[in-house]
Amino acid sequence: MLAGGPRFDQIRSNVSIQAFLTGAGPAVIGAIAGSTIPLGLAFQVAWQIPVLAGALVWLFVVRRGVVSALVLAAAVGIVVALSGLSV
């Protein structure tokens, strides 16, 4: 990423790259949306549902970043696992 930084504007102005990104964005959104149902059905313990709800609020209401949502969800998961509630 750092090596391509100086050429970023040149890459973004490329018509072929723009066409790829125009199609790739909706494809990624569709893949993520399509995976939500199987992942949601894979919940094994009840505390995972409030963690997911909290992540959704964090991302869409508070409008914070994905990385911080993942870190917070991981922290909650670790605390719950260490407390013995994951059984």
N, C-alpha and C. Protein backbone atom coordinates (compact mmCIF):
# COMPACT_ATOMS: atom_id res chain seq x y z
N MET A 1 0.83 -1.18 0.00
CA MET A 1 0.00 0.00 0.00
C MET A 1 0.88 1.25 0.00
N LEU A 2 1.90 1.25 0.82
CA LEU A 2 2.77 2.42 0.87
C LEU A 2 3.55 2.60 -0.43
N ALA A 3 3.92 1.50 -1.06
CA ALA A 3 4.68 1.61 -2.31
C ALA A 3 3.83 2.19 -3.43
N GLY A 4 2.53 1.91 -3.43
CA GLY A 4 1.66 2.43 -4.48
C GLY A 4 1.08 3.80 -4.19
N GLY A 5 1.35 4.33 -3.01
CA GLY A 5 0.80 5.62 -2.61
C GLY A 5 1.06 6.76 -3.59
N PRO A 6 2.28 6.93 -4.05
CA PRO A 6 2.54 8.02 -4.99
C PRO A 6 1.78 7.89 -6.30
N ARG A 7 1.39 6.71 -6.68
CA ARG A 7 0.68 6.50 -7.95
C ARG A 7 -0.84 6.39 -7.75
N PHE A 8 -1.32 6.67 -6.57
CA PHE A 8 -2.74 6.48 -6.27
C PHE A 8 -3.63 7.31 -7.18
N ASP A 9 -3.33 8.57 -7.37
CA ASP A 9 -4.15 9.42 -8.23
C ASP A 9 -4.14 8.91 -9.67
N GLN A 10 -3.00 8.47 -10.12
CA GLN A 10 -2.89 7.94 -11.48
C GLN A 10 -3.74 6.67 -11.63
N ILE A 11 -3.71 5.82 -10.62
CA ILE A 11 -4.49 4.59 -10.67
C ILE A 11 -5.99 4.89 -10.63
N ARG A 12 -6.39 5.84 -9.78
CA ARG A 12 -7.82 6.18 -9.67
C ARG A 12 -8.36 6.82 -10.92
N SER A 13 -7.54 7.50 -11.68
CA SER A 13 -8.03 8.14 -12.90
C SER A 13 -8.09 7.18 -14.08
N ASN A 14 -7.59 5.98 -13.92
CA ASN A 14 -7.62 4.98 -14.98
C ASN A 14 -9.05 4.48 -15.18
N VAL A 15 -9.54 4.54 -16.42
CA VAL A 15 -10.92 4.17 -16.73
C VAL A 15 -11.18 2.70 -16.43
N SER A 16 -10.23 1.83 -16.72
CA SER A 16 -10.41 0.40 -16.45
C SER A 16 -10.53 0.13 -14.95
N ILE A 17 -9.71 0.81 -14.16
CA ILE A 17 -9.78 0.65 -12.70
C ILE A 17 -11.11 1.17 -12.18
N GLN A 18 -11.58 2.29 -12.69
CA GLN A 18 -12.87 2.83 -12.27
C GLN A 18 -14.00 1.86 -12.59
N ALA A 19 -13.94 1.24 -13.77
CA ALA A 19 -14.98 0.27 -14.15
C ALA A 19 -14.95 -0.93 -13.22
N PHE A 20 -13.76 -1.40 -12.87
CA PHE A 20 -13.63 -2.53 -11.95
C PHE A 20 -14.21 -2.17 -10.58
N LEU A 21 -13.85 -1.01 -10.06
CA LEU A 21 -14.33 -0.61 -8.73
C LEU A 21 -15.83 -0.38 -8.73
N THR A 22 -16.38 0.10 -9.85
CA THR A 22 -17.83 0.30 -9.95
C THR A 22 -18.56 -1.03 -9.82
N GLY A 23 -18.02 -2.09 -10.37
CA GLY A 23 -18.65 -3.40 -10.25
C GLY A 23 -18.29 -4.14 -8.99
N ALA A 24 -17.09 -3.92 -8.48
CA ALA A 24 -16.62 -4.65 -7.31
C ALA A 24 -17.36 -4.22 -6.04
N GLY A 25 -17.68 -2.95 -5.94
CA GLY A 25 -18.36 -2.45 -4.73
C GLY A 25 -19.68 -3.16 -4.47
N PRO A 26 -20.61 -3.15 -5.43
CA PRO A 26 -21.88 -3.87 -5.21
C PRO A 26 -21.70 -5.37 -5.03
N ALA A 27 -20.70 -5.95 -5.70
CA ALA A 27 -20.46 -7.38 -5.54
C ALA A 27 -20.05 -7.71 -4.11
N VAL A 28 -19.21 -6.89 -3.53
CA VAL A 28 -18.78 -7.11 -2.15
C VAL A 28 -19.94 -6.93 -1.19
N ILE A 29 -20.75 -5.90 -1.41
CA ILE A 29 -21.92 -5.67 -0.55
C ILE A 29 -22.87 -6.86 -0.65
N GLY A 30 -23.08 -7.38 -1.85
CA GLY A 30 -23.94 -8.54 -2.03
C GLY A 30 -23.39 -9.78 -1.33
N ALA A 31 -22.08 -9.97 -1.40
CA ALA A 31 -21.47 -11.12 -0.74
C ALA A 31 -21.61 -11.01 0.78
N ILE A 32 -21.41 -9.84 1.30
CA ILE A 32 -21.55 -9.65 2.75
C ILE A 32 -23.00 -9.86 3.16
N ALA A 33 -23.93 -9.27 2.41
CA ALA A 33 -25.36 -9.42 2.74
C ALA A 33 -25.78 -10.88 2.63
N GLY A 34 -25.28 -11.58 1.63
CA GLY A 34 -25.63 -12.98 1.45
C GLY A 34 -25.08 -13.89 2.54
N SER A 35 -24.01 -13.49 3.17
CA SER A 35 -23.43 -14.33 4.23
C SER A 35 -24.04 -14.06 5.59
N THR A 36 -24.86 -13.02 5.73
CA THR A 36 -25.39 -12.68 7.05
C THR A 36 -26.36 -13.73 7.58
N ILE A 37 -27.17 -14.32 6.72
CA ILE A 37 -28.15 -15.30 7.21
C ILE A 37 -27.46 -16.56 7.72
N PRO A 38 -26.55 -17.18 6.93
CA PRO A 38 -25.88 -18.37 7.49
C PRO A 38 -25.06 -18.06 8.74
N LEU A 39 -24.42 -16.89 8.78
CA LEU A 39 -23.65 -16.55 9.97
C LEU A 39 -24.56 -16.30 11.16
N GLY A 40 -25.69 -15.64 10.92
CA GLY A 40 -26.64 -15.40 12.00
C GLY A 40 -27.22 -16.68 12.56
N LEU A 41 -27.45 -17.66 11.70
CA LEU A 41 -27.98 -18.95 12.16
C LEU A 41 -26.93 -19.79 12.88
N ALA A 42 -25.66 -19.40 12.76
CA ALA A 42 -24.58 -20.17 13.38
C ALA A 42 -24.30 -19.75 14.83
N PHE A 43 -25.06 -18.77 15.34
CA PHE A 43 -24.85 -18.39 16.73
C PHE A 43 -25.04 -19.60 17.62
N GLN A 44 -24.12 -19.78 18.55
CA GLN A 44 -24.18 -20.94 19.43
C GLN A 44 -24.59 -20.60 20.84
N VAL A 45 -24.38 -19.36 21.24
CA VAL A 45 -24.75 -18.94 22.59
C VAL A 45 -25.45 -17.59 22.51
N ALA A 46 -26.32 -17.34 23.46
CA ALA A 46 -27.19 -16.16 23.41
C ALA A 46 -26.45 -14.83 23.51
N TRP A 47 -25.29 -14.79 24.18
CA TRP A 47 -24.62 -13.51 24.35
C TRP A 47 -24.06 -12.96 23.04
N GLN A 48 -23.98 -13.79 22.01
CA GLN A 48 -23.47 -13.31 20.73
C GLN A 48 -24.44 -12.34 20.06
N ILE A 49 -25.73 -12.50 20.31
CA ILE A 49 -26.73 -11.65 19.67
C ILE A 49 -26.62 -10.20 20.16
N PRO A 50 -26.51 -9.92 21.47
CA PRO A 50 -26.31 -8.53 21.89
C PRO A 50 -24.98 -7.94 21.40
N VAL A 51 -23.96 -8.77 21.27
CA VAL A 51 -22.68 -8.27 20.73
C VAL A 51 -22.87 -7.82 19.29
N LEU A 52 -23.59 -8.62 18.51
CA LEU A 52 -23.88 -8.23 17.13
C LEU A 52 -24.72 -6.97 17.08
N ALA A 53 -25.73 -6.88 17.92
CA ALA A 53 -26.57 -5.69 17.96
C ALA A 53 -25.75 -4.46 18.34
N GLY A 54 -24.86 -4.62 19.31
CA GLY A 54 -23.99 -3.51 19.70
C GLY A 54 -23.08 -3.08 18.56
N ALA A 55 -22.57 -4.05 17.81
CA ALA A 55 -21.71 -3.73 16.67
C ALA A 55 -22.50 -2.97 15.61
N LEU A 56 -23.74 -3.39 15.37
CA LEU A 56 -24.57 -2.68 14.39
C LEU A 56 -24.83 -1.24 14.82
N VAL A 57 -25.13 -1.05 16.09
CA VAL A 57 -25.32 0.32 16.60
C VAL A 57 -24.03 1.12 16.46
N TRP A 58 -22.92 0.51 16.82
CA TRP A 58 -21.61 1.17 16.74
C TRP A 58 -21.32 1.61 15.30
N LEU A 59 -21.63 0.75 14.34
CA LEU A 59 -21.31 1.05 12.95
C LEU A 59 -22.30 2.01 12.30
N PHE A 60 -23.60 1.81 12.53
CA PHE A 60 -24.60 2.56 11.77
C PHE A 60 -25.21 3.74 12.51
N VAL A 61 -25.26 3.71 13.83
CA VAL A 61 -25.84 4.83 14.58
C VAL A 61 -24.73 5.77 15.04
N VAL A 62 -23.73 5.22 15.70
CA VAL A 62 -22.62 6.03 16.19
C VAL A 62 -21.67 6.40 15.05
N ARG A 63 -21.71 5.61 13.96
CA ARG A 63 -20.91 5.83 12.76
C ARG A 63 -19.41 5.81 13.04
N ARG A 64 -18.99 4.75 13.72
CA ARG A 64 -17.57 4.53 13.99
C ARG A 64 -17.03 3.49 13.03
N GLY A 65 -15.75 3.23 13.11
CA GLY A 65 -15.08 2.37 12.15
C GLY A 65 -15.24 0.89 12.41
N VAL A 66 -14.96 0.13 11.37
CA VAL A 66 -15.07 -1.32 11.43
C VAL A 66 -14.01 -1.91 12.37
N VAL A 67 -12.81 -1.38 12.31
CA VAL A 67 -11.73 -1.92 13.14
C VAL A 67 -12.07 -1.76 14.62
N SER A 68 -12.55 -0.59 15.00
CA SER A 68 -12.90 -0.40 16.42
C SER A 68 -14.07 -1.30 16.82
N ALA A 69 -15.02 -1.55 15.89
CA ALA A 69 -16.13 -2.46 16.19
C ALA A 69 -15.62 -3.88 16.41
N LEU A 70 -14.69 -4.31 15.59
CA LEU A 70 -14.12 -5.64 15.75
C LEU A 70 -13.34 -5.77 17.05
N VAL A 71 -12.58 -4.74 17.38
CA VAL A 71 -11.80 -4.77 18.62
C VAL A 71 -12.73 -4.82 19.83
N LEU A 72 -13.78 -4.00 19.82
CA LEU A 72 -14.72 -4.01 20.94
C LEU A 72 -15.46 -5.35 21.05
N ALA A 73 -15.90 -5.89 19.92
CA ALA A 73 -16.59 -7.19 19.94
C ALA A 73 -15.66 -8.29 20.45
N ALA A 74 -14.40 -8.24 20.03
CA ALA A 74 -13.43 -9.23 20.50
C ALA A 74 -13.21 -9.09 22.00
N ALA A 75 -13.14 -7.85 22.48
CA ALA A 75 -12.94 -7.62 23.92
C ALA A 75 -14.12 -8.17 24.71
N VAL A 76 -15.34 -7.93 24.23
CA VAL A 76 -16.52 -8.47 24.92
C VAL A 76 -16.48 -9.99 24.90
N GLY A 77 -16.11 -10.57 23.77
CA GLY A 77 -16.03 -12.02 23.68
C GLY A 77 -15.01 -12.60 24.63
N ILE A 78 -13.87 -11.94 24.77
CA ILE A 78 -12.83 -12.41 25.69
C ILE A 78 -13.31 -12.33 27.13
N VAL A 79 -13.95 -11.22 27.46
CA VAL A 79 -14.46 -11.06 28.84
C VAL A 79 -15.49 -12.13 29.15
N VAL A 80 -16.40 -12.36 28.22
CA VAL A 80 -17.44 -13.37 28.44
C VAL A 80 -16.82 -14.77 28.54
N ALA A 81 -15.86 -15.06 27.68
CA ALA A 81 -15.22 -16.38 27.71
C ALA A 81 -14.47 -16.59 29.03
N LEU A 82 -13.78 -15.57 29.50
CA LEU A 82 -13.04 -15.70 30.74
C LEU A 82 -13.94 -15.76 31.96
N SER A 83 -15.14 -15.19 31.84
CA SER A 83 -16.07 -15.22 32.98
C SER A 83 -16.81 -16.54 33.08
N GLY A 84 -16.71 -17.37 32.05
CA GLY A 84 -17.36 -18.67 32.08
C GLY A 84 -18.80 -18.66 31.59
N LEU A 85 -19.28 -17.55 31.05
CA LEU A 85 -20.66 -17.46 30.56
C LEU A 85 -20.84 -18.08 29.18
N SER A 86 -19.77 -18.48 28.54
CA SER A 86 -19.88 -18.97 27.16
C SER A 86 -20.40 -20.39 27.08
N VAL A 87 -20.67 -21.03 28.17
CA VAL A 87 -21.11 -22.42 28.14
C VAL A 87 -22.60 -22.49 27.87
